[in-house]
PDB file of N, CA and C in Angstrom:
ATOM      1  N   MET A   1     -18.732   9.396 -35.105  1.00  0.00           N
ATOM      2  CA  MET A   1     -18.049   9.663 -33.851  1.00  0.00           C
ATOM      3  C   MET A   1     -17.271   8.447 -33.357  1.00  0.00           C
ATOM      4  N   CYS A   2     -17.855   7.266 -33.397  1.00  0.00           N
ATOM      5  CA  CYS A   2     -17.205   6.099 -32.798  1.00  0.00           C
ATOM      6  C   CYS A   2     -15.932   5.697 -33.509  1.00  0.00           C
ATOM      7  N   ARG A   3     -15.795   6.066 -34.765  1.00  0.00           N
ATOM      8  CA  ARG A   3     -14.547   5.685 -35.426  1.00  0.00           C
ATOM      9  C   ARG A   3     -13.355   6.398 -34.795  1.00  0.00           C
ATOM     10  N   ASN A   4     -13.609   7.439 -33.994  1.00  0.00           N
ATOM     11  CA  ASN A   4     -12.537   8.145 -33.299  1.00  0.00           C
ATOM     12  C   ASN A   4     -12.149   7.485 -31.987  1.00  0.00           C
ATOM     13  N   ILE A   5     -12.911   6.507 -31.560  1.00  0.00           N
ATOM     14  CA  ILE A   5     -12.566   5.808 -30.334  1.00  0.00           C
ATOM     15  C   ILE A   5     -11.510   4.776 -30.686  1.00  0.00           C
ATOM     16  N   ARG A   6     -10.389   4.849 -30.027  1.00  0.00           N
ATOM     17  CA  ARG A   6      -9.268   3.967 -30.333  1.00  0.00           C
ATOM     18  C   ARG A   6      -8.949   3.079 -29.147  1.00  0.00           C
ATOM     19  N   LYS A   7      -8.181   2.066 -29.448  1.00  0.00           N
ATOM     20  CA  LYS A   7      -7.743   1.126 -28.429  1.00  0.00           C
ATOM     21  C   LYS A   7      -6.954   1.873 -27.356  1.00  0.00           C
ATOM     22  N   LEU A   8      -7.236   1.577 -26.095  1.00  0.00           N
ATOM     23  CA  LEU A   8      -6.548   2.238 -24.989  1.00  0.00           C
ATOM     24  C   LEU A   8      -5.723   1.265 -24.154  1.00  0.00           C
ATOM     25  N   ALA A   9      -5.964  -0.013 -24.318  1.00  0.00           N
ATOM     26  CA  ALA A   9      -5.238  -1.007 -23.520  1.00  0.00           C
ATOM     27  C   ALA A   9      -3.882  -1.304 -24.142  1.00  0.00           C
ATOM     28  N   ASN A  10      -2.953  -1.688 -23.298  1.00  0.00           N
ATOM     29  CA  ASN A  10      -1.631  -2.156 -23.705  1.00  0.00           C
ATOM     30  C   ASN A  10      -0.790  -1.090 -24.400  1.00  0.00           C
ATOM     31  N   PHE A  11      -0.759   0.093 -23.827  1.00  0.00           N
ATOM     32  CA  PHE A  11       0.115   1.164 -24.316  1.00  0.00           C
ATOM     33  C   PHE A  11       1.160   1.500 -23.269  1.00  0.00           C
ATOM     34  N   ALA A  12       2.282   1.972 -23.741  1.00  0.00           N
ATOM     35  CA  ALA A  12       3.320   2.478 -22.852  1.00  0.00           C
ATOM     36  C   ALA A  12       3.577   3.925 -23.264  1.00  0.00           C
ATOM     37  N   PRO A  13       3.378   4.886 -22.413  1.00  0.00           N
ATOM     38  CA  PRO A  13       2.791   4.805 -21.078  1.00  0.00           C
ATOM     39  C   PRO A  13       1.306   4.463 -21.168  1.00  0.00           C
ATOM     40  N   PRO A  14       0.750   3.947 -20.066  1.00  0.00           N
ATOM     41  CA  PRO A  14      -0.655   3.533 -20.066  1.00  0.00           C
ATOM     42  C   PRO A  14      -1.609   4.702 -20.324  1.00  0.00           C
ATOM     43  N   ALA A  15      -2.799   4.365 -20.781  1.00  0.00           N
ATOM     44  CA  ALA A  15      -3.837   5.387 -21.008  1.00  0.00           C
ATOM     45  C   ALA A  15      -4.131   6.108 -19.704  1.00  0.00           C
ATOM     46  N   THR A  16      -4.360   7.399 -19.823  1.00  0.00           N
ATOM     47  CA  THR A  16      -4.685   8.197 -18.641  1.00  0.00           C
ATOM     48  C   THR A  16      -6.185   8.121 -18.363  1.00  0.00           C
ATOM     49  N   THR A  17      -6.559   8.517 -17.171  1.00  0.00           N
ATOM     50  CA  THR A  17      -7.965   8.569 -16.811  1.00  0.00           C
ATOM     51  C   THR A  17      -8.707   9.539 -17.734  1.00  0.00           C
ATOM     52  N   ALA A  18      -8.063  10.635 -18.110  1.00  0.00           N
ATOM     53  CA  ALA A  18      -8.689  11.611 -19.013  1.00  0.00           C
ATOM     54  C   ALA A  18      -8.945  11.006 -20.394  1.00  0.00           C
ATOM     55  N   GLU A  19      -8.022  10.211 -20.893  1.00  0.00           N
ATOM     56  CA  GLU A  19      -8.210   9.556 -22.192  1.00  0.00           C
ATOM     57  C   GLU A  19      -9.368   8.554 -22.139  1.00  0.00           C
ATOM     58  N   ILE A  20      -9.437   7.819 -21.052  1.00  0.00           N
ATOM     59  CA  ILE A  20     -10.518   6.850 -20.882  1.00  0.00           C
ATOM     60  C   ILE A  20     -11.853   7.571 -20.796  1.00  0.00           C
ATOM     61  N   ARG A  21     -11.897   8.651 -20.061  1.00  0.00           N
ATOM     62  CA  ARG A  21     -13.145   9.418 -19.936  1.00  0.00           C
ATOM     63  C   ARG A  21     -13.547  10.031 -21.280  1.00  0.00           C
ATOM     64  N   ALA A  22     -12.583  10.517 -22.051  1.00  0.00           N
ATOM     65  CA  ALA A  22     -12.897  11.085 -23.369  1.00  0.00           C
ATOM     66  C   ALA A  22     -13.511  10.023 -24.285  1.00  0.00           C
ATOM     67  N   SER A  23     -12.996   8.800 -24.217  1.00  0.00           N
ATOM     68  CA  SER A  23     -13.577   7.716 -25.014  1.00  0.00           C
ATOM     69  C   SER A  23     -14.986   7.387 -24.534  1.00  0.00           C
ATOM     70  N   ALA A  24     -15.197   7.416 -23.224  1.00  0.00           N
ATOM     71  CA  ALA A  24     -16.529   7.158 -22.675  1.00  0.00           C
ATOM     72  C   ALA A  24     -17.504   8.243 -23.142  1.00  0.00           C
ATOM     73  N   LEU A  25     -17.064   9.484 -23.159  1.00  0.00           N
ATOM     74  CA  LEU A  25     -17.901  10.584 -23.620  1.00  0.00           C
ATOM     75  C   LEU A  25     -18.289  10.384 -25.082  1.00  0.00           C
ATOM     76  N   GLN A  26     -17.318  10.021 -25.923  1.00  0.00           N
ATOM     77  CA  GLN A  26     -17.608   9.772 -27.337  1.00  0.00           C
ATOM     78  C   GLN A  26     -18.624   8.646 -27.490  1.00  0.00           C
ATOM     79  N   PHE A  27     -18.472   7.590 -26.697  1.00  0.00           N
ATOM     80  CA  PHE A  27     -19.383   6.454 -26.765  1.00  0.00           C
ATOM     81  C   PHE A  27     -20.805   6.876 -26.384  1.00  0.00           C
ATOM     82  N   VAL A  28     -20.943   7.603 -25.284  1.00  0.00           N
ATOM     83  CA  VAL A  28     -22.266   8.031 -24.831  1.00  0.00           C
ATOM     84  C   VAL A  28     -22.888   9.006 -25.838  1.00  0.00           C
ATOM     85  N   ARG A  29     -22.084   9.872 -26.429  1.00  0.00           N
ATOM     86  CA  ARG A  29     -22.599  10.761 -27.473  1.00  0.00           C
ATOM     87  C   ARG A  29     -23.162   9.957 -28.642  1.00  0.00           C
ATOM     88  N   LYS A  30     -22.432   8.935 -29.048  1.00  0.00           N
ATOM     89  CA  LYS A  30     -22.869   8.112 -30.176  1.00  0.00           C
ATOM     90  C   LYS A  30     -24.155   7.367 -29.830  1.00  0.00           C
ATOM     91  N   VAL A  31     -24.189   6.729 -28.680  1.00  0.00           N
ATOM     92  CA  VAL A  31     -25.358   5.942 -28.281  1.00  0.00           C
ATOM     93  C   VAL A  31     -26.590   6.832 -28.107  1.00  0.00           C
ATOM     94  N   SER A  32     -26.413   8.014 -27.506  1.00  0.00           N
ATOM     95  CA  SER A  32     -27.551   8.894 -27.236  1.00  0.00           C
ATOM     96  C   SER A  32     -27.961   9.705 -28.467  1.00  0.00           C
ATOM     97  N   GLY A  33     -27.030   9.876 -29.395  1.00  0.00           N
ATOM     98  CA  GLY A  33     -27.315  10.707 -30.560  1.00  0.00           C
ATOM     99  C   GLY A  33     -27.235  12.192 -30.259  1.00  0.00           C
ATOM    100  N   ALA A  34     -26.693  12.532 -29.095  1.00  0.00           N
ATOM    101  CA  ALA A  34     -26.603  13.938 -28.685  1.00  0.00           C
ATOM    102  C   ALA A  34     -25.161  14.311 -28.407  1.00  0.00           C
ATOM    103  N   ASN A  35     -24.706  15.361 -29.063  1.00  0.00           N
ATOM    104  CA  ASN A  35     -23.365  15.856 -28.794  1.00  0.00           C
ATOM    105  C   ASN A  35     -23.339  16.569 -27.454  1.00  0.00           C
ATOM    106  N   LYS A  36     -24.403  17.322 -27.193  1.00  0.00           N
ATOM    107  CA  LYS A  36     -24.574  18.014 -25.913  1.00  0.00           C
ATOM    108  C   LYS A  36     -26.025  17.804 -25.496  1.00  0.00           C
ATOM    109  N   PRO A  37     -26.259  17.193 -24.347  1.00  0.00           N
ATOM    110  CA  PRO A  37     -27.635  16.905 -23.957  1.00  0.00           C
ATOM    111  C   PRO A  37     -28.398  18.161 -23.545  1.00  0.00           C
ATOM    112  N   SER A  38     -29.717  18.057 -23.621  1.00  0.00           N
ATOM    113  CA  SER A  38     -30.563  19.146 -23.131  1.00  0.00           C
ATOM    114  C   SER A  38     -30.462  19.188 -21.609  1.00  0.00           C
ATOM    115  N   LYS A  39     -30.917  20.268 -21.023  1.00  0.00           N
ATOM    116  CA  LYS A  39     -30.900  20.385 -19.555  1.00  0.00           C
ATOM    117  C   LYS A  39     -31.665  19.233 -18.913  1.00  0.00           C
ATOM    118  N   ALA A  40     -32.751  18.819 -19.541  1.00  0.00           N
ATOM    119  CA  ALA A  40     -33.568  17.735 -18.994  1.00  0.00           C
ATOM    120  C   ALA A  40     -32.813  16.413 -18.952  1.00  0.00           C
ATOM    121  N   ASN A  41     -31.878  16.226 -19.880  1.00  0.00           N
ATOM    122  CA  ASN A  41     -31.146  14.959 -19.965  1.00  0.00           C
ATOM    123  C   ASN A  41     -29.707  15.041 -19.460  1.00  0.00           C
ATOM    124  N   GLU A  42     -29.291  16.212 -19.037  1.00  0.00           N
ATOM    125  CA  GLU A  42     -27.894  16.420 -18.656  1.00  0.00           C
ATOM    126  C   GLU A  42     -27.433  15.500 -17.521  1.00  0.00           C
ATOM    127  N   LEU A  43     -28.213  15.358 -16.483  1.00  0.00           N
ATOM    128  CA  LEU A  43     -27.836  14.513 -15.351  1.00  0.00           C
ATOM    129  C   LEU A  43     -27.700  13.056 -15.785  1.00  0.00           C
ATOM    130  N   LEU A  44     -28.667  12.565 -16.541  1.00  0.00           N
ATOM    131  CA  LEU A  44     -28.630  11.192 -17.035  1.00  0.00           C
ATOM    132  C   LEU A  44     -27.426  10.977 -17.946  1.00  0.00           C
ATOM    133  N   PHE A  45     -27.167  11.915 -18.841  1.00  0.00           N
ATOM    134  CA  PHE A  45     -26.042  11.847 -19.766  1.00  0.00           C
ATOM    135  C   PHE A  45     -24.720  11.781 -19.000  1.00  0.00           C
ATOM    136  N   ASN A  46     -24.545  12.681 -18.037  1.00  0.00           N
ATOM    137  CA  ASN A  46     -23.304  12.715 -17.253  1.00  0.00           C
ATOM    138  C   ASN A  46     -23.116  11.451 -16.420  1.00  0.00           C
ATOM    139  N   ARG A  47     -24.210  10.926 -15.886  1.00  0.00           N
ATOM    140  CA  ARG A  47     -24.136   9.676 -15.128  1.00  0.00           C
ATOM    141  C   ARG A  47     -23.714   8.527 -16.043  1.00  0.00           C
ATOM    142  N   ALA A  48     -24.250   8.508 -17.255  1.00  0.00           N
ATOM    143  CA  ALA A  48     -23.875   7.466 -18.215  1.00  0.00           C
ATOM    144  C   ALA A  48     -22.384   7.559 -18.559  1.00  0.00           C
ATOM    145  N   VAL A  49     -21.887   8.767 -18.758  1.00  0.00           N
ATOM    146  CA  VAL A  49     -20.458   8.949 -19.045  1.00  0.00           C
ATOM    147  C   VAL A  49     -19.625   8.428 -17.875  1.00  0.00           C
ATOM    148  N   ASP A  50     -20.022   8.762 -16.643  1.00  0.00           N
ATOM    149  CA  ASP A  50     -19.292   8.292 -15.458  1.00  0.00           C
ATOM    150  C   ASP A  50     -19.276   6.770 -15.384  1.00  0.00           C
ATOM    151  N   GLU A  51     -20.430   6.150 -15.635  1.00  0.00           N
ATOM    152  CA  GLU A  51     -20.522   4.684 -15.542  1.00  0.00           C
ATOM    153  C   GLU A  51     -19.718   3.997 -16.642  1.00  0.00           C
ATOM    154  N   VAL A  52     -19.791   4.509 -17.858  1.00  0.00           N
ATOM    155  CA  VAL A  52     -19.019   3.922 -18.964  1.00  0.00           C
ATOM    156  C   VAL A  52     -17.525   4.119 -18.707  1.00  0.00           C
ATOM    157  N   ALA A  53     -17.138   5.294 -18.226  1.00  0.00           N
ATOM    158  CA  ALA A  53     -15.724   5.560 -17.928  1.00  0.00           C
ATOM    159  C   ALA A  53     -15.210   4.615 -16.840  1.00  0.00           C
ATOM    160  N   ALA A  54     -16.020   4.374 -15.810  1.00  0.00           N
ATOM    161  CA  ALA A  54     -15.603   3.464 -14.738  1.00  0.00           C
ATOM    162  C   ALA A  54     -15.427   2.043 -15.267  1.00  0.00           C
ATOM    163  N   ALA A  55     -16.370   1.586 -16.087  1.00  0.00           N
ATOM    164  CA  ALA A  55     -16.265   0.244 -16.662  1.00  0.00           C
ATOM    165  C   ALA A  55     -15.058   0.139 -17.596  1.00  0.00           C
ATOM    166  N   ALA A  56     -14.849   1.178 -18.408  1.00  0.00           N
ATOM    167  CA  ALA A  56     -13.706   1.171 -19.326  1.00  0.00           C
ATOM    168  C   ALA A  56     -12.386   1.193 -18.561  1.00  0.00           C
ATOM    169  N   GLU A  57     -12.335   1.955 -17.491  1.00  0.00           N
ATOM    170  CA  GLU A  57     -11.109   2.020 -16.677  1.00  0.00           C
ATOM    171  C   GLU A  57     -10.788   0.650 -16.080  1.00  0.00           C
ATOM    172  N   ARG A  58     -11.810  -0.031 -15.549  1.00  0.00           N
ATOM    173  CA  ARG A  58     -11.590  -1.388 -15.011  1.00  0.00           C
ATOM    174  C   ARG A  58     -11.078  -2.316 -16.100  1.00  0.00           C
ATOM    175  N   LEU A  59     -11.645  -2.206 -17.280  1.00  0.00           N
ATOM    176  CA  LEU A  59     -11.233  -3.058 -18.393  1.00  0.00           C
ATOM    177  C   LEU A  59      -9.790  -2.771 -18.808  1.00  0.00           C
ATOM    178  N   VAL A  60      -9.481  -1.495 -19.039  1.00  0.00           N
ATOM    179  CA  VAL A  60      -8.138  -1.121 -19.506  1.00  0.00           C
ATOM    180  C   VAL A  60      -7.076  -1.464 -18.463  1.00  0.00           C
ATOM    181  N   ARG A  61      -7.350  -1.168 -17.192  1.00  0.00           N
ATOM    182  CA  ARG A  61      -6.355  -1.430 -16.141  1.00  0.00           C
ATOM    183  C   ARG A  61      -6.199  -2.921 -15.855  1.00  0.00           C
ATOM    184  N   GLY A  62      -7.257  -3.697 -16.066  1.00  0.00           N
ATOM    185  CA  GLY A  62      -7.198  -5.120 -15.755  1.00  0.00           C
ATOM    186  C   GLY A  62      -6.838  -6.015 -16.922  1.00  0.00           C
ATOM    187  N   TRP A  63      -6.737  -5.444 -18.123  1.00  0.00           N
ATOM    188  CA  TRP A  63      -6.481  -6.231 -19.327  1.00  0.00           C
ATOM    189  C   TRP A  63      -5.126  -6.923 -19.243  1.00  0.00           C
ATOM    190  N   VAL A  64      -5.123  -8.237 -19.469  1.00  0.00           N
ATOM    191  CA  VAL A  64      -3.890  -9.025 -19.421  1.00  0.00           C
ATOM    192  C   VAL A  64      -3.597  -9.524 -20.826  1.00  0.00           C
ATOM    193  N   THR A  65      -2.375  -9.323 -21.268  1.00  0.00           N
ATOM    194  CA  THR A  65      -1.976  -9.772 -22.600  1.00  0.00           C
ATOM    195  C   THR A  65      -0.517 -10.176 -22.581  1.00  0.00           C
ATOM    196  N   SER A  66      -0.173 -11.085 -23.478  1.00  0.00           N
ATOM    197  CA  SER A  66       1.232 -11.487 -23.583  1.00  0.00           C
ATOM    198  C   SER A  66       1.981 -10.600 -24.580  1.00  0.00           C
ATOM    199  N   ALA A  67       1.244  -9.770 -25.317  1.00  0.00           N
ATOM    200  CA  ALA A  67       1.875  -8.869 -26.294  1.00  0.00           C
ATOM    201  C   ALA A  67       2.599  -7.735 -25.567  1.00  0.00           C
ATOM    202  N   PRO A  68       3.731  -7.310 -26.091  1.00  0.00           N
ATOM    203  CA  PRO A  68       4.425  -6.178 -25.465  1.00  0.00           C
ATOM    204  C   PRO A  68       3.603  -4.904 -25.655  1.00  0.00           C
ATOM    205  N   PRO A  69       3.689  -3.959 -24.715  1.00  0.00           N
ATOM    206  CA  PRO A  69       2.935  -2.712 -24.856  1.00  0.00           C
ATOM    207  C   PRO A  69       3.365  -1.939 -26.097  1.00  0.00           C
ATOM    208  N   LYS A  70       2.392  -1.292 -26.743  1.00  0.00           N
ATOM    209  CA  LYS A  70       2.702  -0.470 -27.918  1.00  0.00           C
ATOM    210  C   LYS A  70       3.220   0.881 -27.450  1.00  0.00           C
ATOM    211  N   ASP A  71       4.199   1.383 -28.185  1.00  0.00           N
ATOM    212  CA  ASP A  71       4.789   2.688 -27.888  1.00  0.00           C
ATOM    213  C   ASP A  71       3.916   3.775 -28.516  1.00  0.00           C
ATOM    214  N   ARG A  72       3.453   4.720 -27.709  1.00  0.00           N
ATOM    215  CA  ARG A  72       2.565   5.777 -28.205  1.00  0.00           C
ATOM    216  C   ARG A  72       3.190   6.587 -29.332  1.00  0.00           C
ATOM    217  N   ASP A  73       4.461   6.953 -29.176  1.00  0.00           N
ATOM    218  CA  ASP A  73       5.101   7.779 -30.201  1.00  0.00           C
ATOM    219  C   ASP A  73       5.189   7.048 -31.535  1.00  0.00           C
ATOM    220  N   VAL A  74       5.467   5.765 -31.501  1.00  0.00           N
ATOM    221  CA  VAL A  74       5.521   4.967 -32.735  1.00  0.00           C
ATOM    222  C   VAL A  74       4.134   4.924 -33.372  1.00  0.00           C
ATOM    223  N   GLU A  75       3.098   4.699 -32.573  1.00  0.00           N
ATOM    224  CA  GLU A  75       1.732   4.633 -33.099  1.00  0.00           C
ATOM    225  C   GLU A  75       1.291   5.989 -33.664  1.00  0.00           C
ATOM    226  N   ILE A  76       1.696   7.075 -33.025  1.00  0.00           N
ATOM    227  CA  ILE A  76       1.374   8.413 -33.536  1.00  0.00           C
ATOM    228  C   ILE A  76       2.044   8.627 -34.884  1.00  0.00           C
ATOM    229  N   ARG A  77       3.319   8.247 -35.003  1.00  0.00           N
ATOM    230  CA  ARG A  77       4.024   8.401 -36.284  1.00  0.00           C
ATOM    231  C   ARG A  77       3.356   7.576 -37.385  1.00  0.00           C
ATOM    232  N   LYS A  78       2.913   6.361 -37.056  1.00  0.00           N
ATOM    233  CA  LYS A  78       2.209   5.521 -38.040  1.00  0.00           C
ATOM    234  C   LYS A  78       0.929   6.214 -38.505  1.00  0.00           C
ATOM    235  N   HIS A  79       0.182   6.782 -37.560  1.00  0.00           N
ATOM    236  CA  HIS A  79      -1.061   7.465 -37.905  1.00  0.00           C
ATOM    237  C   HIS A  79      -0.791   8.661 -38.818  1.00  0.00           C
ATOM    238  N   ILE A  80       0.228   9.431 -38.497  1.00  0.00           N
ATOM    239  CA  ILE A  80       0.567  10.603 -39.308  1.00  0.00           C
ATOM    240  C   ILE A  80       0.921  10.168 -40.723  1.00  0.00           C
ATOM    241  N   GLU A  81       1.700   9.118 -40.855  1.00  0.00           N
ATOM    242  CA  GLU A  81       2.096   8.640 -42.182  1.00  0.00           C
ATOM    243  C   GLU A  81       0.889   8.137 -42.972  1.00  0.00           C
ATOM    244  N   ARG A  82      -0.008   7.385 -42.311  1.00  0.00           N
ATOM    245  CA  ARG A  82      -1.224   6.917 -42.997  1.00  0.00           C
ATOM    246  C   ARG A  82      -2.068   8.105 -43.454  1.00  0.00           C
ATOM    247  N   SER A  83      -2.145   9.143 -42.621  1.00  0.00           N
ATOM    248  CA  SER A  83      -2.916  10.331 -42.973  1.00  0.00           C
ATOM    249  C   SER A  83      -2.295  11.050 -44.167  1.00  0.00           C
ATOM    250  N   ARG A  84      -0.985  11.151 -44.176  1.00  0.00           N
ATOM    251  CA  ARG A  84      -0.305  11.796 -45.311  1.00  0.00           C
ATOM    252  C   ARG A  84      -0.586  11.037 -46.603  1.00  0.00           C
ATOM    253  N   LEU A  85      -0.517   9.709 -46.551  1.00  0.00           N
ATOM    254  CA  LEU A  85      -0.772   8.903 -47.746  1.00  0.00           C
ATOM    255  C   LEU A  85      -2.224   9.020 -48.193  1.00  0.00           C
ATOM    256  N   ARG A  86      -3.140   9.027 -47.237  1.00  0.00           N
ATOM    257  CA  ARG A  86      -4.561   9.051 -47.577  1.00  0.00           C
ATOM    258  C   ARG A  86      -5.053  10.432 -47.991  1.00  0.00           C
ATOM    259  N   PHE A  87      -4.660  11.469 -47.251  1.00  0.00           N
ATOM    260  CA  PHE A  87      -5.205  12.806 -47.478  1.00  0.00           C
ATOM    261  C   PHE A  87      -4.194  13.797 -48.041  1.00  0.00           C
ATOM    262  N   GLY A  88      -2.928  13.420 -48.104  1.00  0.00           N
ATOM    263  CA  GLY A  88      -1.914  14.315 -48.629  1.00  0.00           C
ATOM    264  C   GLY A  88      -1.487  15.412 -47.678  1.00  0.00           C
ATOM    265  N   LYS A  89      -1.832  15.266 -46.405  1.00  0.00           N
ATOM    266  CA  LYS A  89      -1.423  16.279 -45.423  1.00  0.00           C
ATOM    267  C   LYS A  89      -1.345  15.644 -44.045  1.00  0.00           C
ATOM    268  N   GLU A  90      -0.705  16.374 -43.148  1.00  0.00           N
ATOM    269  CA  GLU A  90      -0.570  15.912 -41.772  1.00  0.00           C
ATOM    270  C   GLU A  90      -1.838  16.236 -40.987  1.00  0.00           C
ATOM    271  N   PRO A  91      -2.308  15.319 -40.157  1.00  0.00           N
ATOM    272  CA  PRO A  91      -3.523  15.597 -39.377  1.00  0.00           C
ATOM    273  C   PRO A  91      -3.250  16.621 -38.290  1.00  0.00           C
ATOM    274  N   ARG A  92      -4.310  17.306 -37.849  1.00  0.00           N
ATOM    275  CA  ARG A  92      -4.178  18.249 -36.725  1.00  0.00           C
ATOM    276  C   ARG A  92      -4.044  17.505 -35.412  1.00  0.00           C
ATOM    277  N   ARG A  93      -4.729  16.360 -35.330  1.00  0.00           N
ATOM    278  CA  ARG A  93      -4.712  15.519 -34.127  1.00  0.00           C
ATOM    279  C   ARG A  93      -4.556  14.082 -34.557  1.00  0.00           C
ATOM    280  N   THR A  94      -4.143  13.266 -33.618  1.00  0.00           N
ATOM    281  CA  THR A  94      -4.153  11.829 -33.849  1.00  0.00           C
ATOM    282  C   THR A  94      -5.196  11.225 -32.925  1.00  0.00           C
ATOM    283  N   PRO A  95      -5.667  10.014 -33.209  1.00  0.00           N
ATOM    284  CA  PRO A  95      -6.650   9.402 -32.323  1.00  0.00           C
ATOM    285  C   PRO A  95      -6.083   9.110 -30.938  1.00  0.00           C
ATOM    286  N   ILE A  96      -4.793   8.959 -30.846  1.00  0.00           N
ATOM    287  CA  ILE A  96      -4.174   8.582 -29.582  1.00  0.00           C
ATOM    288  C   ILE A  96      -3.833   9.801 -28.751  1.00  0.00           C
ATOM    289  N   ASP A  97      -3.342  10.823 -29.385  1.00  0.00           N
ATOM    290  CA  ASP A  97      -2.826  11.969 -28.648  1.00  0.00           C
ATOM    291  C   ASP A  97      -2.749  13.156 -29.591  1.00  0.00           C
ATOM    292  N   PRO A  98      -2.891  14.394 -29.093  1.00  0.00           N
ATOM    293  CA  PRO A  98      -2.685  15.531 -29.975  1.00  0.00           C
ATOM    294  C   PRO A  98      -1.255  15.535 -30.512  1.00  0.00           C
ATOM    295  N   ILE A  99      -1.086  16.005 -31.719  1.00  0.00           N
ATOM    296  CA  ILE A  99       0.245  16.114 -32.287  1.00  0.00           C
ATOM    297  C   ILE A  99       0.978  17.209 -31.540  1.00  0.00           C
ATOM    298  N   ARG A 100       2.181  16.914 -31.141  1.00  0.00           N
ATOM    299  CA  ARG A 100       2.952  17.853 -30.320  1.00  0.00           C
ATOM    300  C   ARG A 100       3.811  18.731 -31.232  1.00  0.00           C
ATOM    301  N   SER A 101       3.201  19.784 -31.789  1.00  0.00           N
ATOM    302  CA  SER A 101       3.957  20.632 -32.698  1.00  0.00           C
ATOM    303  C   SER A 101       3.925  22.100 -32.304  1.00  0.00           C
ATOM    304  N   GLY A 102       3.426  22.392 -31.124  1.00  0.00           N
ATOM    305  CA  GLY A 102       3.340  23.777 -30.709  1.00  0.00           C
ATOM    306  C   GLY A 102       1.995  24.406 -31.039  1.00  0.00           C
ATOM    307  N   ARG A 103       1.234  23.772 -31.947  1.00  0.00           N
ATOM    308  CA  ARG A 103      -0.109  24.278 -32.246  1.00  0.00           C
ATOM    309  C   ARG A 103      -1.032  23.895 -31.094  1.00  0.00           C
ATOM    310  N   PRO A 104      -1.962  24.758 -30.739  1.00  0.00           N
ATOM    311  CA  PRO A 104      -2.909  24.368 -29.694  1.00  0.00           C
ATOM    312  C   PRO A 104      -3.823  23.268 -30.217  1.00  0.00           C
ATOM    313  N   SER A 105      -4.136  22.294 -29.365  1.00  0.00           N
ATOM    314  CA  SER A 105      -5.036  21.228 -29.777  1.00  0.00           C
ATOM    315  C   SER A 105      -6.465  21.719 -29.675  1.00  0.00           C
ATOM    316  N   ARG A 106      -7.342  21.135 -30.470  1.00  0.00           N
ATOM    317  CA  ARG A 106      -8.748  21.552 -30.502  1.00  0.00           C
ATOM    318  C   ARG A 106      -9.534  20.878 -29.433  1.00  0.00           C
TER     319      ARG A 106
END
């Protein structure tokens, strides 16, 4: 799961709150070992996601770098090309953003 968590800082346009929360969810799933928590653990799981998302948001929004922001579309194209070379086909999704081809994202 964690290999799907990608860098969110220093992008143009900046990472959205939803993207940051999705990464926090993936992180908590990995740490807890649960894709979906039981009812007994649901409150704790959701609180952990909220806390990780808040910390990640502070980090991403406050990150200072001298490097120019990366262009999302360029990074998506790079990912698609790497996927074609590695697997011989275009991915359904990219780690940064769903591929915008008219297909519904999963």
